[in-house]
Amino acid sequence: MTARLVVALANARAPRRPPRARVPVAYDALADAASANELLGSFLDHPVKPHELTTVRALQGAVEMIADALIDGSPPPANALKALNALAAEQEVTYAIERQRDGTLRTTLRPQRASTVATLVIGVMDELAALEPSRLRRCARHECNLVFYDATRSGTQRWHAERPCGLRERQRRHRISHRLR
């Protein structure tokens, strides 16, 4: 379990700090259909259409609120859960039973009409139900605020990515220790 979809949506509209930038800059991976497809393409069988962006943004907002609450150790807000459930209620889904590669059977929910939102809602709900809340975290680098899911065995991951955050944090500590000498 890596919660890739939850993390992607939680970070979709988070400010980014490009190299050498003094302040974070606004970022919106859901600004248009092309950028949304770049972010969500690996989770979908077909591209996000421009008319679906409003609903995808609503899903992103609910996921962001739920992720923030889980990171803070508090229960997810009722309005975020209500919004997520309302999006799910709009979708037509059915149970399907499938044979896995190892021969076992598994039931899954499938959208009857394979809309982008139905696919994303099912994926988000599956990931939220399966993730371990204590492993959903924010990057420890002061300048970064991105969400990540710690999938390490020891549960000690500190940065959302080794590059740039892990490397930059170690460089910062190295400079500070050399100034103190």
N, C-alpha and C. Protein backbone atom coordinates (compact mmCIF):
# COMPACT_ATOMS: atom_id res chain seq x y z
N MET A 1 0.85 -1.19 0.00
CA MET A 1 0.00 0.00 0.00
C MET A 1 0.88 1.24 0.00
N THR A 2 0.70 2.09 -0.98
CA THR A 2 1.49 3.31 -1.05
C THR A 2 0.65 4.58 -1.11
N ALA A 3 -0.64 4.45 -1.29
CA ALA A 3 -1.55 5.60 -1.31
C ALA A 3 -1.13 6.62 -2.38
N ARG A 4 -0.72 6.16 -3.54
CA ARG A 4 -0.23 7.04 -4.60
C ARG A 4 -1.28 8.05 -5.05
N LEU A 5 -2.52 7.60 -5.22
CA LEU A 5 -3.57 8.49 -5.69
C LEU A 5 -3.91 9.53 -4.64
N VAL A 6 -4.02 9.12 -3.39
CA VAL A 6 -4.31 10.06 -2.30
C VAL A 6 -3.21 11.12 -2.21
N VAL A 7 -1.96 10.70 -2.28
CA VAL A 7 -0.84 11.63 -2.21
C VAL A 7 -0.84 12.58 -3.42
N ALA A 8 -1.08 12.04 -4.60
CA ALA A 8 -1.11 12.88 -5.81
C ALA A 8 -2.19 13.95 -5.70
N LEU A 9 -3.38 13.57 -5.25
CA LEU A 9 -4.46 14.54 -5.12
C LEU A 9 -4.21 15.52 -3.97
N ALA A 10 -3.65 15.05 -2.87
CA ALA A 10 -3.38 15.94 -1.74
C ALA A 10 -2.35 17.02 -2.11
N ASN A 11 -1.42 16.68 -3.01
CA ASN A 11 -0.37 17.62 -3.42
C ASN A 11 -0.70 18.37 -4.70
N ALA A 12 -1.85 18.09 -5.31
CA ALA A 12 -2.17 18.63 -6.64
C ALA A 12 -2.17 20.15 -6.71
N ARG A 13 -2.51 20.80 -5.64
CA ARG A 13 -2.60 22.26 -5.67
C ARG A 13 -1.73 22.91 -4.61
N ALA A 14 -0.77 22.15 -4.07
CA ALA A 14 0.13 22.68 -3.05
C ALA A 14 1.19 23.57 -3.69
N PRO A 15 1.55 24.67 -3.04
CA PRO A 15 2.61 25.54 -3.58
C PRO A 15 3.93 24.77 -3.68
N ARG A 16 4.72 25.11 -4.67
CA ARG A 16 6.03 24.49 -4.88
C ARG A 16 7.11 25.56 -4.73
N ARG A 17 8.30 25.13 -4.34
CA ARG A 17 9.42 26.05 -4.25
C ARG A 17 10.49 25.59 -5.22
N PRO A 18 10.56 26.20 -6.40
CA PRO A 18 11.55 25.80 -7.39
C PRO A 18 12.97 26.06 -6.89
N PRO A 19 13.97 25.43 -7.50
CA PRO A 19 15.36 25.68 -7.10
C PRO A 19 15.68 27.17 -7.12
N ARG A 20 16.38 27.61 -6.10
CA ARG A 20 16.84 28.98 -5.93
C ARG A 20 15.72 30.01 -5.71
N ALA A 21 14.52 29.57 -5.57
CA ALA A 21 13.41 30.50 -5.31
C ALA A 21 13.35 30.81 -3.82
N ARG A 22 13.12 32.03 -3.49
CA ARG A 22 13.05 32.44 -2.09
C ARG A 22 11.70 32.13 -1.45
N VAL A 23 10.67 32.15 -2.27
CA VAL A 23 9.32 31.91 -1.75
C VAL A 23 8.62 30.85 -2.60
N PRO A 24 7.69 30.14 -2.01
CA PRO A 24 6.92 29.17 -2.80
C PRO A 24 6.08 29.86 -3.87
N VAL A 25 5.87 29.17 -4.96
CA VAL A 25 5.02 29.71 -6.03
C VAL A 25 3.76 28.86 -6.13
N ALA A 26 2.69 29.49 -6.58
CA ALA A 26 1.42 28.78 -6.73
C ALA A 26 1.57 27.68 -7.77
N TYR A 27 0.88 26.60 -7.53
CA TYR A 27 0.93 25.46 -8.44
C TYR A 27 -0.45 24.82 -8.45
N ASP A 28 -0.94 24.49 -9.63
CA ASP A 28 -2.24 23.85 -9.74
C ASP A 28 -2.19 22.82 -10.85
N ALA A 29 -2.05 21.55 -10.45
CA ALA A 29 -1.99 20.46 -11.42
C ALA A 29 -3.37 20.17 -12.01
N LEU A 30 -4.39 20.84 -11.51
CA LEU A 30 -5.74 20.64 -12.04
C LEU A 30 -6.25 21.90 -12.74
N ALA A 31 -5.34 22.74 -13.19
CA ALA A 31 -5.71 24.00 -13.84
C ALA A 31 -6.42 23.76 -15.15
N ASP A 32 -6.01 22.72 -15.87
CA ASP A 32 -6.64 22.40 -17.15
C ASP A 32 -6.57 20.90 -17.36
N ALA A 33 -7.23 20.44 -18.40
CA ALA A 33 -7.32 18.99 -18.65
C ALA A 33 -5.95 18.39 -18.93
N ALA A 34 -5.08 19.11 -19.64
CA ALA A 34 -3.75 18.57 -19.96
C ALA A 34 -2.93 18.32 -18.71
N SER A 35 -2.90 19.30 -17.80
CA SER A 35 -2.12 19.12 -16.56
C SER A 35 -2.77 18.07 -15.66
N ALA A 36 -4.09 18.00 -15.65
CA ALA A 36 -4.78 16.98 -14.85
C ALA A 36 -4.45 15.59 -15.38
N ASN A 37 -4.40 15.44 -16.69
CA ASN A 37 -4.05 14.15 -17.28
C ASN A 37 -2.61 13.78 -17.00
N GLU A 38 -1.73 14.76 -16.95
CA GLU A 38 -0.33 14.49 -16.62
C GLU A 38 -0.23 13.94 -15.20
N LEU A 39 -1.00 14.51 -14.28
CA LEU A 39 -0.99 14.07 -12.89
C LEU A 39 -1.71 12.73 -12.70
N LEU A 40 -2.87 12.58 -13.31
CA LEU A 40 -3.75 11.45 -13.02
C LEU A 40 -3.75 10.36 -14.09
N GLY A 41 -3.04 10.55 -15.16
CA GLY A 41 -3.06 9.61 -16.28
C GLY A 41 -2.73 8.18 -15.90
N SER A 42 -1.80 7.99 -14.98
CA SER A 42 -1.41 6.62 -14.59
C SER A 42 -2.49 5.91 -13.78
N PHE A 43 -3.48 6.63 -13.29
CA PHE A 43 -4.56 6.04 -12.50
C PHE A 43 -5.81 5.77 -13.34
N LEU A 44 -5.83 6.25 -14.56
CA LEU A 44 -7.03 6.21 -15.38
C LEU A 44 -6.83 5.42 -16.67
N ASP A 45 -7.94 4.90 -17.20
CA ASP A 45 -7.93 4.21 -18.49
C ASP A 45 -8.15 5.16 -19.65
N HIS A 46 -8.69 6.33 -19.36
CA HIS A 46 -8.97 7.32 -20.40
C HIS A 46 -8.72 8.71 -19.82
N PRO A 47 -8.51 9.70 -20.65
CA PRO A 47 -8.13 11.02 -20.15
C PRO A 47 -9.27 11.78 -19.46
N VAL A 48 -8.86 12.71 -18.62
CA VAL A 48 -9.80 13.63 -17.98
C VAL A 48 -10.28 14.60 -19.05
N LYS A 49 -11.59 14.79 -19.10
CA LYS A 49 -12.17 15.73 -20.06
C LYS A 49 -12.38 17.08 -19.38
N PRO A 50 -12.30 18.17 -20.14
CA PRO A 50 -12.45 19.50 -19.53
C PRO A 50 -13.71 19.66 -18.68
N HIS A 51 -14.83 19.07 -19.08
CA HIS A 51 -16.07 19.23 -18.31
C HIS A 51 -16.03 18.46 -16.98
N GLU A 52 -15.06 17.57 -16.79
CA GLU A 52 -14.95 16.81 -15.54
C GLU A 52 -14.06 17.48 -14.50
N LEU A 53 -13.37 18.57 -14.90
CA LEU A 53 -12.41 19.21 -14.00
C LEU A 53 -13.03 19.73 -12.71
N THR A 54 -14.23 20.27 -12.78
CA THR A 54 -14.89 20.80 -11.58
C THR A 54 -15.09 19.68 -10.55
N THR A 55 -15.53 18.54 -10.99
CA THR A 55 -15.76 17.41 -10.08
C THR A 55 -14.44 16.85 -9.58
N VAL A 56 -13.43 16.80 -10.43
CA VAL A 56 -12.10 16.32 -10.00
C VAL A 56 -11.52 17.27 -8.96
N ARG A 57 -11.73 18.58 -9.14
CA ARG A 57 -11.26 19.56 -8.14
C ARG A 57 -12.00 19.38 -6.81
N ALA A 58 -13.29 19.09 -6.86
CA ALA A 58 -14.06 18.84 -5.63
C ALA A 58 -13.51 17.61 -4.92
N LEU A 59 -13.21 16.57 -5.68
CA LEU A 59 -12.60 15.36 -5.10
C LEU A 59 -11.26 15.70 -4.49
N GLN A 60 -10.45 16.49 -5.17
CA GLN A 60 -9.14 16.88 -4.66
C GLN A 60 -9.27 17.65 -3.35
N GLY A 61 -10.22 18.56 -3.28
CA GLY A 61 -10.42 19.33 -2.05
C GLY A 61 -10.80 18.44 -0.87
N ALA A 62 -11.67 17.47 -1.10
CA ALA A 62 -12.06 16.54 -0.04
C ALA A 62 -10.86 15.70 0.40
N VAL A 63 -10.10 15.21 -0.56
CA VAL A 63 -8.92 14.39 -0.23
C VAL A 63 -7.91 15.21 0.55
N GLU A 64 -7.70 16.45 0.15
CA GLU A 64 -6.75 17.31 0.86
C GLU A 64 -7.16 17.53 2.31
N MET A 65 -8.44 17.79 2.55
CA MET A 65 -8.92 17.99 3.93
C MET A 65 -8.76 16.71 4.75
N ILE A 66 -9.08 15.57 4.16
CA ILE A 66 -8.96 14.30 4.87
C ILE A 66 -7.50 14.00 5.18
N ALA A 67 -6.62 14.21 4.21
CA ALA A 67 -5.19 13.96 4.41
C ALA A 67 -4.63 14.87 5.50
N ASP A 68 -4.99 16.15 5.47
CA ASP A 68 -4.53 17.09 6.51
C ASP A 68 -4.95 16.62 7.90
N ALA A 69 -6.18 16.19 8.02
CA ALA A 69 -6.68 15.72 9.32
C ALA A 69 -5.92 14.46 9.77
N LEU A 70 -5.73 13.52 8.88
CA LEU A 70 -5.02 12.28 9.24
C LEU A 70 -3.58 12.58 9.65
N ILE A 71 -2.93 13.50 8.96
CA ILE A 71 -1.55 13.88 9.30
C ILE A 71 -1.50 14.51 10.67
N ASP A 72 -2.49 15.34 10.99
CA ASP A 72 -2.55 16.00 12.30
C ASP A 72 -3.00 15.07 13.41
N GLY A 73 -3.43 13.87 13.05
CA GLY A 73 -3.89 12.91 14.06
C GLY A 73 -5.30 13.14 14.53
N SER A 74 -6.05 13.92 13.79
CA SER A 74 -7.44 14.18 14.17
C SER A 74 -8.37 13.45 13.20
N PRO A 75 -9.63 13.28 13.59
CA PRO A 75 -10.56 12.60 12.69
C PRO A 75 -10.84 13.47 11.46
N PRO A 76 -11.04 12.84 10.31
CA PRO A 76 -11.36 13.62 9.11
C PRO A 76 -12.62 14.46 9.32
N PRO A 77 -12.65 15.67 8.80
CA PRO A 77 -13.83 16.52 8.97
C PRO A 77 -15.07 15.90 8.33
N ALA A 78 -16.19 16.06 8.99
CA ALA A 78 -17.44 15.49 8.51
C ALA A 78 -17.81 16.03 7.13
N ASN A 79 -17.53 17.33 6.88
CA ASN A 79 -17.88 17.90 5.58
C ASN A 79 -17.05 17.31 4.45
N ALA A 80 -15.79 16.94 4.72
CA ALA A 80 -14.95 16.31 3.69
C ALA A 80 -15.45 14.91 3.38
N LEU A 81 -15.81 14.16 4.43
CA LEU A 81 -16.35 12.82 4.23
C LEU A 81 -17.70 12.88 3.50
N LYS A 82 -18.50 13.87 3.87
CA LYS A 82 -19.80 14.04 3.22
C LYS A 82 -19.61 14.36 1.74
N ALA A 83 -18.64 15.22 1.42
CA ALA A 83 -18.37 15.57 0.02
C ALA A 83 -17.88 14.36 -0.76
N LEU A 84 -17.00 13.56 -0.16
CA LEU A 84 -16.49 12.37 -0.83
C LEU A 84 -17.61 11.35 -1.05
N ASN A 85 -18.45 11.17 -0.04
CA ASN A 85 -19.58 10.24 -0.18
C ASN A 85 -20.60 10.74 -1.21
N ALA A 86 -20.79 12.05 -1.28
CA ALA A 86 -21.71 12.61 -2.28
C ALA A 86 -21.18 12.37 -3.69
N LEU A 87 -19.87 12.53 -3.88
CA LEU A 87 -19.28 12.24 -5.19
C LEU A 87 -19.44 10.76 -5.53
N ALA A 88 -19.26 9.90 -4.54
CA ALA A 88 -19.41 8.46 -4.77
C ALA A 88 -20.87 8.12 -5.09
N ALA A 89 -21.81 8.78 -4.43
CA ALA A 89 -23.23 8.48 -4.65
C ALA A 89 -23.68 8.86 -6.07
N GLU A 90 -23.00 9.81 -6.68
CA GLU A 90 -23.35 10.22 -8.04
C GLU A 90 -22.91 9.20 -9.09
N GLN A 91 -22.01 8.30 -8.71
CA GLN A 91 -21.42 7.38 -9.68
C GLN A 91 -22.18 6.05 -9.69
N GLU A 92 -22.32 5.51 -10.87
CA GLU A 92 -22.94 4.19 -11.02
C GLU A 92 -21.84 3.15 -10.95
N VAL A 93 -21.92 2.28 -9.94
CA VAL A 93 -20.91 1.24 -9.79
C VAL A 93 -21.57 -0.11 -9.56
N THR A 94 -20.82 -1.14 -9.77
CA THR A 94 -21.31 -2.49 -9.55
C THR A 94 -20.18 -3.34 -9.00
N TYR A 95 -20.54 -4.38 -8.30
CA TYR A 95 -19.55 -5.34 -7.83
C TYR A 95 -19.15 -6.25 -8.98
N ALA A 96 -17.90 -6.61 -9.02
CA ALA A 96 -17.42 -7.57 -10.02
C ALA A 96 -16.52 -8.57 -9.31
N ILE A 97 -16.54 -9.80 -9.77
CA ILE A 97 -15.64 -10.81 -9.21
C ILE A 97 -14.65 -11.17 -10.31
N GLU A 98 -13.39 -11.20 -9.92
CA GLU A 98 -12.33 -11.44 -10.88
C GLU A 98 -11.38 -12.51 -10.36
N ARG A 99 -10.83 -13.26 -11.29
CA ARG A 99 -9.82 -14.24 -10.91
C ARG A 99 -8.47 -13.55 -10.97
N GLN A 100 -7.71 -13.67 -9.90
CA GLN A 100 -6.38 -13.09 -9.83
C GLN A 100 -5.37 -14.01 -10.52
N ARG A 101 -4.16 -13.53 -10.69
CA ARG A 101 -3.12 -14.32 -11.35
C ARG A 101 -2.80 -15.60 -10.60
N ASP A 102 -2.92 -15.56 -9.28
CA ASP A 102 -2.62 -16.76 -8.49
C ASP A 102 -3.80 -17.72 -8.41
N GLY A 103 -4.89 -17.41 -9.11
CA GLY A 103 -6.05 -18.29 -9.15
C GLY A 103 -7.13 -17.97 -8.14
N THR A 104 -6.86 -17.09 -7.18
CA THR A 104 -7.86 -16.74 -6.17
C THR A 104 -8.87 -15.77 -6.77
N LEU A 105 -10.00 -15.66 -6.10
CA LEU A 105 -11.05 -14.74 -6.54
C LEU A 105 -11.06 -13.51 -5.66
N ARG A 106 -11.40 -12.38 -6.27
CA ARG A 106 -11.45 -11.12 -5.53
C ARG A 106 -12.60 -10.29 -6.06
N THR A 107 -13.36 -9.69 -5.14
CA THR A 107 -14.45 -8.81 -5.56
C THR A 107 -13.94 -7.37 -5.57
N THR A 108 -14.40 -6.62 -6.53
CA THR A 108 -14.04 -5.21 -6.63
C THR A 108 -15.25 -4.41 -7.08
N LEU A 109 -15.21 -3.14 -6.78
CA LEU A 109 -16.22 -2.22 -7.29
C LEU A 109 -15.74 -1.72 -8.64
N ARG A 110 -16.63 -1.65 -9.59
CA ARG A 110 -16.29 -1.14 -10.91
C ARG A 110 -17.33 -0.13 -11.35
N PRO A 111 -16.87 0.95 -11.96
CA PRO A 111 -17.84 1.89 -12.50
C PRO A 111 -18.59 1.26 -13.67
N GLN A 112 -19.92 1.44 -13.71
CA GLN A 112 -20.70 0.93 -14.84
C GLN A 112 -20.42 1.76 -16.07
N ARG A 113 -20.42 3.04 -15.91
CA ARG A 113 -19.97 3.90 -16.99
C ARG A 113 -18.62 4.42 -16.51
N ALA A 114 -17.60 4.07 -17.18
CA ALA A 114 -16.23 4.31 -16.71
C ALA A 114 -15.85 5.79 -16.79
N SER A 115 -16.51 6.60 -16.00
CA SER A 115 -16.17 8.02 -15.97
C SER A 115 -14.88 8.21 -15.18
N THR A 116 -14.22 9.29 -15.45
CA THR A 116 -12.98 9.62 -14.75
C THR A 116 -13.23 9.73 -13.26
N VAL A 117 -14.27 10.45 -12.90
CA VAL A 117 -14.55 10.68 -11.48
C VAL A 117 -14.88 9.38 -10.77
N ALA A 118 -15.65 8.50 -11.40
CA ALA A 118 -15.99 7.22 -10.77
C ALA A 118 -14.73 6.42 -10.49
N THR A 119 -13.83 6.37 -11.45
CA THR A 119 -12.58 5.64 -11.28
C THR A 119 -11.75 6.24 -10.16
N LEU A 120 -11.65 7.58 -10.12
CA LEU A 120 -10.86 8.24 -9.09
C LEU A 120 -11.48 8.08 -7.70
N VAL A 121 -12.80 8.23 -7.60
CA VAL A 121 -13.48 8.09 -6.30
C VAL A 121 -13.27 6.69 -5.73
N ILE A 122 -13.43 5.68 -6.56
CA ILE A 122 -13.22 4.30 -6.09
C ILE A 122 -11.78 4.11 -5.64
N GLY A 123 -10.83 4.62 -6.42
CA GLY A 123 -9.42 4.51 -6.05
C GLY A 123 -9.10 5.22 -4.75
N VAL A 124 -9.61 6.43 -4.59
CA VAL A 124 -9.38 7.20 -3.36
C VAL A 124 -9.96 6.49 -2.15
N MET A 125 -11.20 6.02 -2.27
CA MET A 125 -11.84 5.35 -1.13
C MET A 125 -11.11 4.06 -0.76
N ASP A 126 -10.67 3.30 -1.76
CA ASP A 126 -9.90 2.08 -1.48
C ASP A 126 -8.60 2.42 -0.74
N GLU A 127 -7.89 3.44 -1.23
CA GLU A 127 -6.62 3.81 -0.60
C GLU A 127 -6.82 4.36 0.81
N LEU A 128 -7.83 5.21 0.99
CA LEU A 128 -8.07 5.78 2.33
C LEU A 128 -8.44 4.69 3.33
N ALA A 129 -9.21 3.71 2.87
CA ALA A 129 -9.62 2.63 3.77
C ALA A 129 -8.46 1.72 4.12
N ALA A 130 -7.48 1.59 3.23
CA ALA A 130 -6.38 0.65 3.45
C ALA A 130 -5.12 1.29 4.05
N LEU A 131 -5.00 2.61 3.98
CA LEU A 131 -3.74 3.19 4.45
C LEU A 131 -3.65 3.23 5.97
N GLU A 132 -2.43 3.27 6.45
CA GLU A 132 -2.17 3.41 7.88
C GLU A 132 -1.98 4.90 8.15
N PRO A 133 -2.89 5.55 8.86
CA PRO A 133 -2.84 7.01 9.00
C PRO A 133 -1.52 7.56 9.54
N SER A 134 -0.84 6.83 10.41
CA SER A 134 0.40 7.34 10.97
C SER A 134 1.52 7.41 9.94
N ARG A 135 1.36 6.77 8.79
CA ARG A 135 2.39 6.80 7.75
C ARG A 135 2.14 7.89 6.71
N LEU A 136 1.02 8.56 6.78
CA LEU A 136 0.73 9.69 5.91
C LEU A 136 1.33 10.91 6.59
N ARG A 137 2.28 11.59 5.92
CA ARG A 137 3.03 12.66 6.57
C ARG A 137 3.29 13.82 5.63
N ARG A 138 3.78 14.90 6.22
CA ARG A 138 4.28 16.04 5.46
C ARG A 138 5.80 15.98 5.45
N CYS A 139 6.39 16.50 4.40
CA CYS A 139 7.84 16.53 4.26
C CYS A 139 8.45 17.30 5.44
N ALA A 140 9.54 16.79 6.00
CA ALA A 140 10.17 17.39 7.18
C ALA A 140 11.02 18.61 6.83
N ARG A 141 11.27 18.83 5.56
CA ARG A 141 12.05 20.00 5.17
C ARG A 141 11.18 21.23 5.36
N HIS A 142 11.70 22.21 6.07
CA HIS A 142 10.93 23.38 6.46
C HIS A 142 10.30 24.09 5.26
N GLU A 143 11.02 24.18 4.17
CA GLU A 143 10.54 24.91 3.00
C GLU A 143 9.52 24.13 2.18
N CYS A 144 9.35 22.87 2.47
CA CYS A 144 8.46 22.01 1.68
C CYS A 144 7.25 21.63 2.53
N ASN A 145 6.11 21.51 1.90
CA ASN A 145 4.89 21.17 2.63
C ASN A 145 4.14 20.03 1.95
N LEU A 146 4.84 19.24 1.11
CA LEU A 146 4.16 18.20 0.35
C LEU A 146 3.86 16.98 1.21
N VAL A 147 2.78 16.29 0.87
CA VAL A 147 2.34 15.09 1.57
C VAL A 147 3.01 13.88 0.93
N PHE A 148 3.36 12.88 1.73
CA PHE A 148 3.86 11.62 1.21
C PHE A 148 3.38 10.49 2.11
N TYR A 149 3.44 9.27 1.59
CA TYR A 149 3.08 8.09 2.36
C TYR A 149 4.36 7.31 2.61
N ASP A 150 4.72 7.12 3.87
CA ASP A 150 5.95 6.42 4.25
C ASP A 150 5.74 4.92 4.10
N ALA A 151 6.33 4.36 3.07
CA ALA A 151 6.19 2.92 2.81
C ALA A 151 7.43 2.15 3.25
N THR A 152 8.35 2.81 3.95
CA THR A 152 9.54 2.10 4.42
C THR A 152 9.17 1.13 5.53
N ARG A 153 9.95 0.08 5.66
CA ARG A 153 9.68 -0.93 6.69
C ARG A 153 9.76 -0.32 8.09
N SER A 154 10.77 0.53 8.29
CA SER A 154 10.97 1.11 9.62
C SER A 154 10.02 2.27 9.92
N GLY A 155 9.40 2.82 8.90
CA GLY A 155 8.48 3.94 9.12
C GLY A 155 9.18 5.22 9.51
N THR A 156 10.39 5.45 8.98
CA THR A 156 11.18 6.61 9.38
C THR A 156 11.46 7.59 8.25
N GLN A 157 10.78 7.47 7.15
CA GLN A 157 11.01 8.38 6.03
C GLN A 157 10.68 9.80 6.47
N ARG A 158 11.54 10.76 6.12
CA ARG A 158 11.35 12.13 6.57
C ARG A 158 10.97 13.10 5.46
N TRP A 159 11.40 12.79 4.24
CA TRP A 159 11.17 13.72 3.14
C TRP A 159 10.27 13.09 2.09
N HIS A 160 9.56 13.94 1.36
CA HIS A 160 8.68 13.42 0.30
C HIS A 160 9.49 12.80 -0.81
N ALA A 161 10.73 13.26 -1.01
CA ALA A 161 11.62 12.70 -2.02
C ALA A 161 13.06 12.97 -1.62
N GLU A 162 13.94 12.08 -2.01
CA GLU A 162 15.36 12.27 -1.72
C GLU A 162 15.89 13.52 -2.42
N ARG A 163 15.49 13.67 -3.67
CA ARG A 163 15.86 14.87 -4.42
C ARG A 163 14.58 15.63 -4.74
N PRO A 164 14.43 16.80 -4.32
CA PRO A 164 15.43 17.69 -3.80
C PRO A 164 15.53 17.75 -2.28
N CYS A 165 14.49 17.38 -1.57
CA CYS A 165 14.39 17.69 -0.13
C CYS A 165 15.44 17.00 0.74
N GLY A 166 15.65 15.72 0.59
CA GLY A 166 16.63 15.02 1.41
C GLY A 166 18.01 15.58 1.22
N LEU A 167 18.40 15.75 -0.02
CA LEU A 167 19.72 16.29 -0.35
C LEU A 167 19.88 17.71 0.17
N ARG A 168 18.90 18.55 -0.06
CA ARG A 168 18.99 19.95 0.40
C ARG A 168 19.04 20.05 1.92
N GLU A 169 18.28 19.22 2.60
CA GLU A 169 18.28 19.27 4.07
C GLU A 169 19.65 18.86 4.63
N ARG A 170 20.25 17.82 4.04
CA ARG A 170 21.59 17.41 4.50
C ARG A 170 22.63 18.49 4.18
N GLN A 171 22.51 19.14 3.03
CA GLN A 171 23.42 20.23 2.68
C GLN A 171 23.27 21.37 3.67
N ARG A 172 22.05 21.69 4.03
CA ARG A 172 21.82 22.77 5.00
C ARG A 172 22.46 22.45 6.34
N ARG A 173 22.27 21.22 6.82
CA ARG A 173 22.87 20.81 8.10
C ARG A 173 24.39 20.82 8.03
N HIS A 174 24.93 20.42 6.90
CA HIS A 174 26.38 20.41 6.72
C HIS A 174 26.94 21.84 6.79
N ARG A 175 26.29 22.77 6.12
CA ARG A 175 26.73 24.17 6.16
C ARG A 175 26.66 24.73 7.57
N ILE A 176 25.59 24.44 8.29
CA ILE A 176 25.45 24.93 9.66
C ILE A 176 26.54 24.36 10.55
N SER A 177 26.83 23.05 10.43
CA SER A 177 27.86 22.44 11.28
C SER A 177 29.24 23.00 10.96
N HIS A 178 29.51 23.36 9.72
CA HIS A 178 30.81 23.93 9.37
C HIS A 178 30.94 25.38 9.82
N ARG A 179 29.85 26.11 9.90
CA ARG A 179 29.89 27.47 10.43
C ARG A 179 30.18 27.48 11.91
N LEU A 180 29.73 26.44 12.61
CA LEU A 180 29.92 26.39 14.07
C LEU A 180 31.33 26.01 14.46
N ARG A 181 32.11 25.51 13.54
CA ARG A 181 33.48 25.08 13.86
C ARG A 181 34.44 26.22 13.98
